[in-house]
Amino acid sequence: MTGSEADAEGQILGRINEMIRQEKDLREQLAEQVIDESTEHARLARLEVELDRCWDLLRQRKARVAAGQDPDKASVRTAAEVEDYLS
């Protein structure tokens, strides 16, 4: 893995970690009754989709490296593409 590949993956992982922190914050806000359950669910649903998209991008990059291709050619897929894999 080159330095730029590691940097790009580090940025993606940083974004993932930030969203995980946001999930934790939402759960704490619900527990403390700062937000209601419907607000928490709506925000969590959006975060889960974005997390799925980040994980997908990371998998694409790793697959491209394994295939000897340029990982920078991987692209963020739409939420519909990522969420409908199993459909």
PDB file of N, CA and C in Angstrom:
ATOM      1  N   MET A   1       0.852  -1.172   0.000  1.00  0.00           N
ATOM      2  CA  MET A   1       0.000   0.000   0.000  1.00  0.00           C
ATOM      3  C   MET A   1       0.897   1.234   0.000  1.00  0.00           C
ATOM      4  N   THR A   2       0.601   2.136  -0.901  1.00  0.00           N
ATOM      5  CA  THR A   2       1.386   3.367  -0.983  1.00  0.00           C
ATOM      6  C   THR A   2       0.895   4.351   0.073  1.00  0.00           C
ATOM      7  N   GLY A   3       1.657   5.425   0.242  1.00  0.00           N
ATOM      8  CA  GLY A   3       1.279   6.454   1.201  1.00  0.00           C
ATOM      9  C   GLY A   3      -0.056   7.091   0.880  1.00  0.00           C
ATOM     10  N   SER A   4      -0.306   7.354  -0.407  1.00  0.00           N
ATOM     11  CA  SER A   4      -1.574   7.982  -0.787  1.00  0.00           C
ATOM     12  C   SER A   4      -2.750   7.034  -0.564  1.00  0.00           C
ATOM     13  N   GLU A   5      -2.529   5.731  -0.790  1.00  0.00           N
ATOM     14  CA  GLU A   5      -3.592   4.756  -0.526  1.00  0.00           C
ATOM     15  C   GLU A   5      -3.920   4.731   0.957  1.00  0.00           C
ATOM     16  N   ALA A   6      -2.872   4.725   1.776  1.00  0.00           N
ATOM     17  CA  ALA A   6      -3.069   4.712   3.227  1.00  0.00           C
ATOM     18  C   ALA A   6      -3.764   5.990   3.680  1.00  0.00           C
ATOM     19  N   ASP A   7      -3.387   7.126   3.094  1.00  0.00           N
ATOM     20  CA  ASP A   7      -4.024   8.402   3.446  1.00  0.00           C
ATOM     21  C   ASP A   7      -5.515   8.373   3.111  1.00  0.00           C
ATOM     22  N   ALA A   8      -5.835   7.895   1.914  1.00  0.00           N
ATOM     23  CA  ALA A   8      -7.232   7.845   1.485  1.00  0.00           C
ATOM     24  C   ALA A   8      -8.029   6.912   2.390  1.00  0.00           C
ATOM     25  N   GLU A   9      -7.476   5.747   2.690  1.00  0.00           N
ATOM     26  CA  GLU A   9      -8.172   4.812   3.559  1.00  0.00           C
ATOM     27  C   GLU A   9      -8.280   5.373   4.972  1.00  0.00           C
ATOM     28  N   GLY A  10      -7.252   6.089   5.416  1.00  0.00           N
ATOM     29  CA  GLY A  10      -7.300   6.718   6.732  1.00  0.00           C
ATOM     30  C   GLY A  10      -8.406   7.754   6.819  1.00  0.00           C
ATOM     31  N   GLN A  11      -8.615   8.494   5.744  1.00  0.00           N
ATOM     32  CA  GLN A  11      -9.694   9.488   5.720  1.00  0.00           C
ATOM     33  C   GLN A  11     -11.055   8.802   5.786  1.00  0.00           C
ATOM     34  N   ILE A  12     -11.199   7.713   5.040  1.00  0.00           N
ATOM     35  CA  ILE A  12     -12.470   6.975   5.056  1.00  0.00           C
ATOM     36  C   ILE A  12     -12.723   6.410   6.454  1.00  0.00           C
ATOM     37  N   LEU A  13     -11.688   5.799   7.035  1.00  0.00           N
ATOM     38  CA  LEU A  13     -11.831   5.246   8.382  1.00  0.00           C
ATOM     39  C   LEU A  13     -12.102   6.339   9.412  1.00  0.00           C
ATOM     40  N   GLY A  14     -11.507   7.501   9.219  1.00  0.00           N
ATOM     41  CA  GLY A  14     -11.781   8.632  10.099  1.00  0.00           C
ATOM     42  C   GLY A  14     -13.244   9.036  10.037  1.00  0.00           C
ATOM     43  N   ARG A  15     -13.785   9.054   8.835  1.00  0.00           N
ATOM     44  CA  ARG A  15     -15.206   9.389   8.656  1.00  0.00           C
ATOM     45  C   ARG A  15     -16.090   8.335   9.321  1.00  0.00           C
ATOM     46  N   ILE A  16     -15.714   7.065   9.157  1.00  0.00           N
ATOM     47  CA  ILE A  16     -16.468   5.978   9.787  1.00  0.00           C
ATOM     48  C   ILE A  16     -16.447   6.145  11.302  1.00  0.00           C
ATOM     49  N   ASN A  17     -15.283   6.396  11.859  1.00  0.00           N
ATOM     50  CA  ASN A  17     -15.173   6.574  13.311  1.00  0.00           C
ATOM     51  C   ASN A  17     -16.000   7.756  13.802  1.00  0.00           C
ATOM     52  N   GLU A  18     -16.027   8.829  13.029  1.00  0.00           N
ATOM     53  CA  GLU A  18     -16.836   9.992  13.398  1.00  0.00           C
ATOM     54  C   GLU A  18     -18.323   9.631  13.405  1.00  0.00           C
ATOM     55  N   MET A  19     -18.764   8.883  12.429  1.00  0.00           N
ATOM     56  CA  MET A  19     -20.175   8.495  12.389  1.00  0.00           C
ATOM     57  C   MET A  19     -20.520   7.543  13.530  1.00  0.00           C
ATOM     58  N   ILE A  20     -19.593   6.680  13.912  1.00  0.00           N
ATOM     59  CA  ILE A  20     -19.814   5.797  15.057  1.00  0.00           C
ATOM     60  C   ILE A  20     -19.960   6.628  16.326  1.00  0.00           C
ATOM     61  N   ARG A  21     -19.142   7.666  16.464  1.00  0.00           N
ATOM     62  CA  ARG A  21     -19.276   8.579  17.613  1.00  0.00           C
ATOM     63  C   ARG A  21     -20.638   9.281  17.593  1.00  0.00           C
ATOM     64  N   GLN A  22     -21.087   9.675  16.400  1.00  0.00           N
ATOM     65  CA  GLN A  22     -22.390  10.320  16.283  1.00  0.00           C
ATOM     66  C   GLN A  22     -23.509   9.368  16.701  1.00  0.00           C
ATOM     67  N   GLU A  23     -23.395   8.094  16.317  1.00  0.00           N
ATOM     68  CA  GLU A  23     -24.383   7.095  16.729  1.00  0.00           C
ATOM     69  C   GLU A  23     -24.447   7.008  18.255  1.00  0.00           C
ATOM     70  N   LYS A  24     -23.283   6.936  18.870  1.00  0.00           N
ATOM     71  CA  LYS A  24     -23.209   6.854  20.334  1.00  0.00           C
ATOM     72  C   LYS A  24     -23.847   8.093  20.959  1.00  0.00           C
ATOM     73  N   ASP A  25     -23.535   9.262  20.411  1.00  0.00           N
ATOM     74  CA  ASP A  25     -24.110  10.512  20.929  1.00  0.00           C
ATOM     75  C   ASP A  25     -25.634  10.509  20.821  1.00  0.00           C
ATOM     76  N   LEU A  26     -26.149  10.015  19.704  1.00  0.00           N
ATOM     77  CA  LEU A  26     -27.602   9.961  19.525  1.00  0.00           C
ATOM     78  C   LEU A  26     -28.246   9.064  20.571  1.00  0.00           C
ATOM     79  N   ARG A  27     -27.623   7.922  20.820  1.00  0.00           N
ATOM     80  CA  ARG A  27     -28.168   6.991  21.820  1.00  0.00           C
ATOM     81  C   ARG A  27     -28.135   7.635  23.221  1.00  0.00           C
ATOM     82  N   GLU A  28     -27.068   8.359  23.516  1.00  0.00           N
ATOM     83  CA  GLU A  28     -26.981   9.049  24.808  1.00  0.00           C
ATOM     84  C   GLU A  28     -28.024  10.155  24.906  1.00  0.00           C
ATOM     85  N   GLN A  29     -28.225  10.886  23.810  1.00  0.00           N
ATOM     86  CA  GLN A  29     -29.229  11.952  23.817  1.00  0.00           C
ATOM     87  C   GLN A  29     -30.625  11.386  24.046  1.00  0.00           C
ATOM     88  N   LEU A  30     -30.896  10.221  23.464  1.00  0.00           N
ATOM     89  CA  LEU A  30     -32.193   9.580  23.687  1.00  0.00           C
ATOM     90  C   LEU A  30     -32.316   9.166  25.145  1.00  0.00           C
ATOM     91  N   ALA A  31     -31.278   8.549  25.684  1.00  0.00           N
ATOM     92  CA  ALA A  31     -31.301   8.099  27.079  1.00  0.00           C
ATOM     93  C   ALA A  31     -31.502   9.269  28.037  1.00  0.00           C
ATOM     94  N   GLU A  32     -30.938  10.418  27.683  1.00  0.00           N
ATOM     95  CA  GLU A  32     -31.061  11.612  28.530  1.00  0.00           C
ATOM     96  C   GLU A  32     -32.303  12.431  28.186  1.00  0.00           C
ATOM     97  N   GLN A  33     -33.093  11.925  27.257  1.00  0.00           N
ATOM     98  CA  GLN A  33     -34.337  12.561  26.803  1.00  0.00           C
ATOM     99  C   GLN A  33     -34.105  13.944  26.205  1.00  0.00           C
ATOM    100  N   VAL A  34     -32.941  14.126  25.575  1.00  0.00           N
ATOM    101  CA  VAL A  34     -32.651  15.355  24.850  1.00  0.00           C
ATOM    102  C   VAL A  34     -33.374  15.322  23.503  1.00  0.00           C
ATOM    103  N   ILE A  35     -33.486  14.118  22.935  1.00  0.00           N
ATOM    104  CA  ILE A  35     -34.221  13.924  21.686  1.00  0.00           C
ATOM    105  C   ILE A  35     -35.233  12.803  21.907  1.00  0.00           C
ATOM    106  N   ASP A  36     -36.244  12.759  21.039  1.00  0.00           N
ATOM    107  CA  ASP A  36     -37.225  11.685  21.161  1.00  0.00           C
ATOM    108  C   ASP A  36     -36.822  10.493  20.284  1.00  0.00           C
ATOM    109  N   GLU A  37     -37.541   9.406  20.457  1.00  0.00           N
ATOM    110  CA  GLU A  37     -37.195   8.165  19.775  1.00  0.00           C
ATOM    111  C   GLU A  37     -37.299   8.278  18.253  1.00  0.00           C
ATOM    112  N   SER A  38     -38.290   8.976  17.750  1.00  0.00           N
ATOM    113  CA  SER A  38     -38.438   9.101  16.293  1.00  0.00           C
ATOM    114  C   SER A  38     -37.282   9.901  15.696  1.00  0.00           C
ATOM    115  N   THR A  39     -36.831  10.925  16.405  1.00  0.00           N
ATOM    116  CA  THR A  39     -35.679  11.708  15.943  1.00  0.00           C
ATOM    117  C   THR A  39     -34.441  10.842  15.922  1.00  0.00           C
ATOM    118  N   GLU A  40     -34.243  10.076  16.997  1.00  0.00           N
ATOM    119  CA  GLU A  40     -33.076   9.188  17.062  1.00  0.00           C
ATOM    120  C   GLU A  40     -33.103   8.186  15.914  1.00  0.00           C
ATOM    121  N   HIS A  41     -34.259   7.554  15.684  1.00  0.00           N
ATOM    122  CA  HIS A  41     -34.366   6.558  14.620  1.00  0.00           C
ATOM    123  C   HIS A  41     -34.078   7.154  13.243  1.00  0.00           C
ATOM    124  N   ALA A  42     -34.608   8.330  12.992  1.00  0.00           N
ATOM    125  CA  ALA A  42     -34.396   8.970  11.688  1.00  0.00           C
ATOM    126  C   ALA A  42     -32.917   9.294  11.478  1.00  0.00           C
ATOM    127  N   ARG A  43     -32.292   9.853  12.504  1.00  0.00           N
ATOM    128  CA  ARG A  43     -30.866  10.203  12.387  1.00  0.00           C
ATOM    129  C   ARG A  43     -29.999   8.956  12.284  1.00  0.00           C
ATOM    130  N   LEU A  44     -30.330   7.924  13.060  1.00  0.00           N
ATOM    131  CA  LEU A  44     -29.572   6.674  12.988  1.00  0.00           C
ATOM    132  C   LEU A  44     -29.699   6.033  11.614  1.00  0.00           C
ATOM    133  N   ALA A  45     -30.884   6.088  11.038  1.00  0.00           N
ATOM    134  CA  ALA A  45     -31.086   5.502   9.709  1.00  0.00           C
ATOM    135  C   ALA A  45     -30.194   6.186   8.680  1.00  0.00           C
ATOM    136  N   ARG A  46     -30.106   7.513   8.744  1.00  0.00           N
ATOM    137  CA  ARG A  46     -29.237   8.251   7.815  1.00  0.00           C
ATOM    138  C   ARG A  46     -27.772   7.885   8.040  1.00  0.00           C
ATOM    139  N   LEU A  47     -27.372   7.806   9.308  1.00  0.00           N
ATOM    140  CA  LEU A  47     -25.988   7.440   9.615  1.00  0.00           C
ATOM    141  C   LEU A  47     -25.657   6.041   9.125  1.00  0.00           C
ATOM    142  N   GLU A  48     -26.579   5.106   9.296  1.00  0.00           N
ATOM    143  CA  GLU A  48     -26.330   3.730   8.872  1.00  0.00           C
ATOM    144  C   GLU A  48     -26.117   3.646   7.367  1.00  0.00           C
ATOM    145  N   VAL A  49     -26.884   4.398   6.609  1.00  0.00           N
ATOM    146  CA  VAL A  49     -26.716   4.409   5.158  1.00  0.00           C
ATOM    147  C   VAL A  49     -25.346   4.979   4.797  1.00  0.00           C
ATOM    148  N   GLU A  50     -24.973   6.070   5.423  1.00  0.00           N
ATOM    149  CA  GLU A  50     -23.668   6.672   5.137  1.00  0.00           C
ATOM    150  C   GLU A  50     -22.524   5.754   5.563  1.00  0.00           C
ATOM    151  N   LEU A  51     -22.696   5.066   6.679  1.00  0.00           N
ATOM    152  CA  LEU A  51     -21.683   4.087   7.095  1.00  0.00           C
ATOM    153  C   LEU A  51     -21.552   2.977   6.060  1.00  0.00           C
ATOM    154  N   ASP A  52     -22.681   2.475   5.586  1.00  0.00           N
ATOM    155  CA  ASP A  52     -22.658   1.427   4.561  1.00  0.00           C
ATOM    156  C   ASP A  52     -21.922   1.902   3.313  1.00  0.00           C
ATOM    157  N   ARG A  53     -22.155   3.147   2.927  1.00  0.00           N
ATOM    158  CA  ARG A  53     -21.489   3.690   1.738  1.00  0.00           C
ATOM    159  C   ARG A  53     -19.982   3.795   1.949  1.00  0.00           C
ATOM    160  N   CYS A  54     -19.570   4.203   3.151  1.00  0.00           N
ATOM    161  CA  CYS A  54     -18.134   4.286   3.449  1.00  0.00           C
ATOM    162  C   CYS A  54     -17.494   2.906   3.450  1.00  0.00           C
ATOM    163  N   TRP A  55     -18.148   1.944   4.112  1.00  0.00           N
ATOM    164  CA  TRP A  55     -17.599   0.578   4.126  1.00  0.00           C
ATOM    165  C   TRP A  55     -17.512   0.026   2.710  1.00  0.00           C
ATOM    166  N   ASP A  56     -18.515   0.310   1.894  1.00  0.00           N
ATOM    167  CA  ASP A  56     -18.505  -0.145   0.506  1.00  0.00           C
ATOM    168  C   ASP A  56     -17.315   0.444  -0.242  1.00  0.00           C
ATOM    169  N   LEU A  57     -17.068   1.724  -0.057  1.00  0.00           N
ATOM    170  CA  LEU A  57     -15.943   2.377  -0.720  1.00  0.00           C
ATOM    171  C   LEU A  57     -14.620   1.753  -0.277  1.00  0.00           C
ATOM    172  N   LEU A  58     -14.504   1.481   0.999  1.00  0.00           N
ATOM    173  CA  LEU A  58     -13.290   0.854   1.514  1.00  0.00           C
ATOM    174  C   LEU A  58     -13.094  -0.530   0.890  1.00  0.00           C
ATOM    175  N   ARG A  59     -14.172  -1.311   0.800  1.00  0.00           N
ATOM    176  CA  ARG A  59     -14.086  -2.648   0.173  1.00  0.00           C
ATOM    177  C   ARG A  59     -13.708  -2.537  -1.301  1.00  0.00           C
ATOM    178  N   GLN A  60     -14.289  -1.556  -1.992  1.00  0.00           N
ATOM    179  CA  GLN A  60     -13.940  -1.362  -3.406  1.00  0.00           C
ATOM    180  C   GLN A  60     -12.453  -1.077  -3.561  1.00  0.00           C
ATOM    181  N   ARG A  61     -11.937  -0.201  -2.709  1.00  0.00           N
ATOM    182  CA  ARG A  61     -10.518   0.164  -2.789  1.00  0.00           C
ATOM    183  C   ARG A  61      -9.627  -1.055  -2.550  1.00  0.00           C
ATOM    184  N   LYS A  62      -9.956  -1.840  -1.533  1.00  0.00           N
ATOM    185  CA  LYS A  62      -9.161  -3.027  -1.224  1.00  0.00           C
ATOM    186  C   LYS A  62      -9.232  -4.043  -2.368  1.00  0.00           C
ATOM    187  N   ALA A  63     -10.393  -4.209  -2.959  1.00  0.00           N
ATOM    188  CA  ALA A  63     -10.549  -5.133  -4.079  1.00  0.00           C
ATOM    189  C   ALA A  63      -9.726  -4.666  -5.282  1.00  0.00           C
ATOM    190  N   ARG A  64      -9.714  -3.373  -5.530  1.00  0.00           N
ATOM    191  CA  ARG A  64      -8.929  -2.840  -6.645  1.00  0.00           C
ATOM    192  C   ARG A  64      -7.438  -3.069  -6.408  1.00  0.00           C
ATOM    193  N   VAL A  65      -6.972  -2.855  -5.191  1.00  0.00           N
ATOM    194  CA  VAL A  65      -5.559  -3.101  -4.878  1.00  0.00           C
ATOM    195  C   VAL A  65      -5.246  -4.574  -5.101  1.00  0.00           C
ATOM    196  N   ALA A  66      -6.099  -5.460  -4.609  1.00  0.00           N
ATOM    197  CA  ALA A  66      -5.874  -6.898  -4.750  1.00  0.00           C
ATOM    198  C   ALA A  66      -5.849  -7.323  -6.215  1.00  0.00           C
ATOM    199  N   ALA A  67      -6.590  -6.608  -7.052  1.00  0.00           N
ATOM    200  CA  ALA A  67      -6.649  -6.934  -8.482  1.00  0.00           C
ATOM    201  C   ALA A  67      -5.580  -6.196  -9.284  1.00  0.00           C
ATOM    202  N   GLY A  68      -4.724  -5.440  -8.597  1.00  0.00           N
ATOM    203  CA  GLY A  68      -3.669  -4.702  -9.287  1.00  0.00           C
ATOM    204  C   GLY A  68      -4.173  -3.463  -9.999  1.00  0.00           C
ATOM    205  N   GLN A  69      -5.323  -2.956  -9.574  1.00  0.00           N
ATOM    206  CA  GLN A  69      -5.913  -1.765 -10.189  1.00  0.00           C
ATOM    207  C   GLN A  69      -5.731  -0.560  -9.267  1.00  0.00           C
ATOM    208  N   ASP A  70      -5.978   0.598  -9.815  1.00  0.00           N
ATOM    209  CA  ASP A  70      -5.837   1.855  -9.079  1.00  0.00           C
ATOM    210  C   ASP A  70      -6.998   2.016  -8.091  1.00  0.00           C
ATOM    211  N   PRO A  71      -6.710   2.027  -6.775  1.00  0.00           N
ATOM    212  CA  PRO A  71      -7.795   2.179  -5.800  1.00  0.00           C
ATOM    213  C   PRO A  71      -8.475   3.539  -5.871  1.00  0.00           C
ATOM    214  N   ASP A  72      -7.785   4.533  -6.426  1.00  0.00           N
ATOM    215  CA  ASP A  72      -8.390   5.860  -6.544  1.00  0.00           C
ATOM    216  C   ASP A  72      -9.497   5.913  -7.598  1.00  0.00           C
ATOM    217  N   LYS A  73      -9.639   4.847  -8.372  1.00  0.00           N
ATOM    218  CA  LYS A  73     -10.727   4.771  -9.349  1.00  0.00           C
ATOM    219  C   LYS A  73     -12.017   4.280  -8.707  1.00  0.00           C
ATOM    220  N   ALA A  74     -11.951   3.842  -7.454  1.00  0.00           N
ATOM    221  CA  ALA A  74     -13.161   3.456  -6.728  1.00  0.00           C
ATOM    222  C   ALA A  74     -13.990   4.710  -6.496  1.00  0.00           C
ATOM    223  N   SER A  75     -15.292   4.544  -6.478  1.00  0.00           N
ATOM    224  CA  SER A  75     -16.144   5.711  -6.277  1.00  0.00           C
ATOM    225  C   SER A  75     -17.249   5.400  -5.272  1.00  0.00           C
ATOM    226  N   VAL A  76     -17.715   6.456  -4.638  1.00  0.00           N
ATOM    227  CA  VAL A  76     -18.810   6.317  -3.690  1.00  0.00           C
ATOM    228  C   VAL A  76     -20.066   5.985  -4.485  1.00  0.00           C
ATOM    229  N   ARG A  77     -20.698   4.887  -4.110  1.00  0.00           N
ATOM    230  CA  ARG A  77     -21.926   4.486  -4.802  1.00  0.00           C
ATOM    231  C   ARG A  77     -23.123   5.157  -4.135  1.00  0.00           C
ATOM    232  N   THR A  78     -24.194   5.222  -4.873  1.00  0.00           N
ATOM    233  CA  THR A  78     -25.419   5.816  -4.323  1.00  0.00           C
ATOM    234  C   THR A  78     -25.942   4.967  -3.183  1.00  0.00           C
ATOM    235  N   ALA A  79     -26.744   5.583  -2.343  1.00  0.00           N
ATOM    236  CA  ALA A  79     -27.358   4.853  -1.236  1.00  0.00           C
ATOM    237  C   ALA A  79     -28.204   3.698  -1.774  1.00  0.00           C
ATOM    238  N   ALA A  80     -28.922   3.925  -2.854  1.00  0.00           N
ATOM    239  CA  ALA A  80     -29.760   2.877  -3.424  1.00  0.00           C
ATOM    240  C   ALA A  80     -28.931   1.674  -3.867  1.00  0.00           C
ATOM    241  N   GLU A  81     -27.784   1.925  -4.504  1.00  0.00           N
ATOM    242  CA  GLU A  81     -26.917   0.822  -4.930  1.00  0.00           C
ATOM    243  C   GLU A  81     -26.413   0.018  -3.738  1.00  0.00           C
ATOM    244  N   VAL A  82     -25.958   0.708  -2.731  1.00  0.00           N
ATOM    245  CA  VAL A  82     -25.357   0.038  -1.581  1.00  0.00           C
ATOM    246  C   VAL A  82     -26.421  -0.673  -0.760  1.00  0.00           C
ATOM    247  N   GLU A  83     -27.559  -0.051  -0.551  1.00  0.00           N
ATOM    248  CA  GLU A  83     -28.598  -0.626   0.287  1.00  0.00           C
ATOM    249  C   GLU A  83     -29.366  -1.741  -0.393  1.00  0.00           C
ATOM    250  N   ASP A  84     -29.332  -1.818  -1.706  1.00  0.00           N
ATOM    251  CA  ASP A  84     -30.102  -2.832  -2.429  1.00  0.00           C
ATOM    252  C   ASP A  84     -29.282  -4.030  -2.864  1.00  0.00           C
ATOM    253  N   TYR A  85     -28.064  -4.195  -2.318  1.00  0.00           N
ATOM    254  CA  TYR A  85     -27.223  -5.324  -2.708  1.00  0.00           C
ATOM    255  C   TYR A  85     -27.937  -6.662  -2.514  1.00  0.00           C
ATOM    256  N   LEU A  86     -28.642  -6.811  -1.429  1.00  0.00           N
ATOM    257  CA  LEU A  86     -29.257  -8.107  -1.110  1.00  0.00           C
ATOM    258  C   LEU A  86     -30.635  -8.269  -1.714  1.00  0.00           C
ATOM    259  N   SER A  87     -31.166  -7.238  -2.303  1.00  0.00           N
ATOM    260  CA  SER A  87     -32.525  -7.305  -2.873  1.00  0.00           C
ATOM    261  C   SER A  87     -32.523  -8.041  -4.192  1.00  0.00           C
TER     262      SER A  87
END
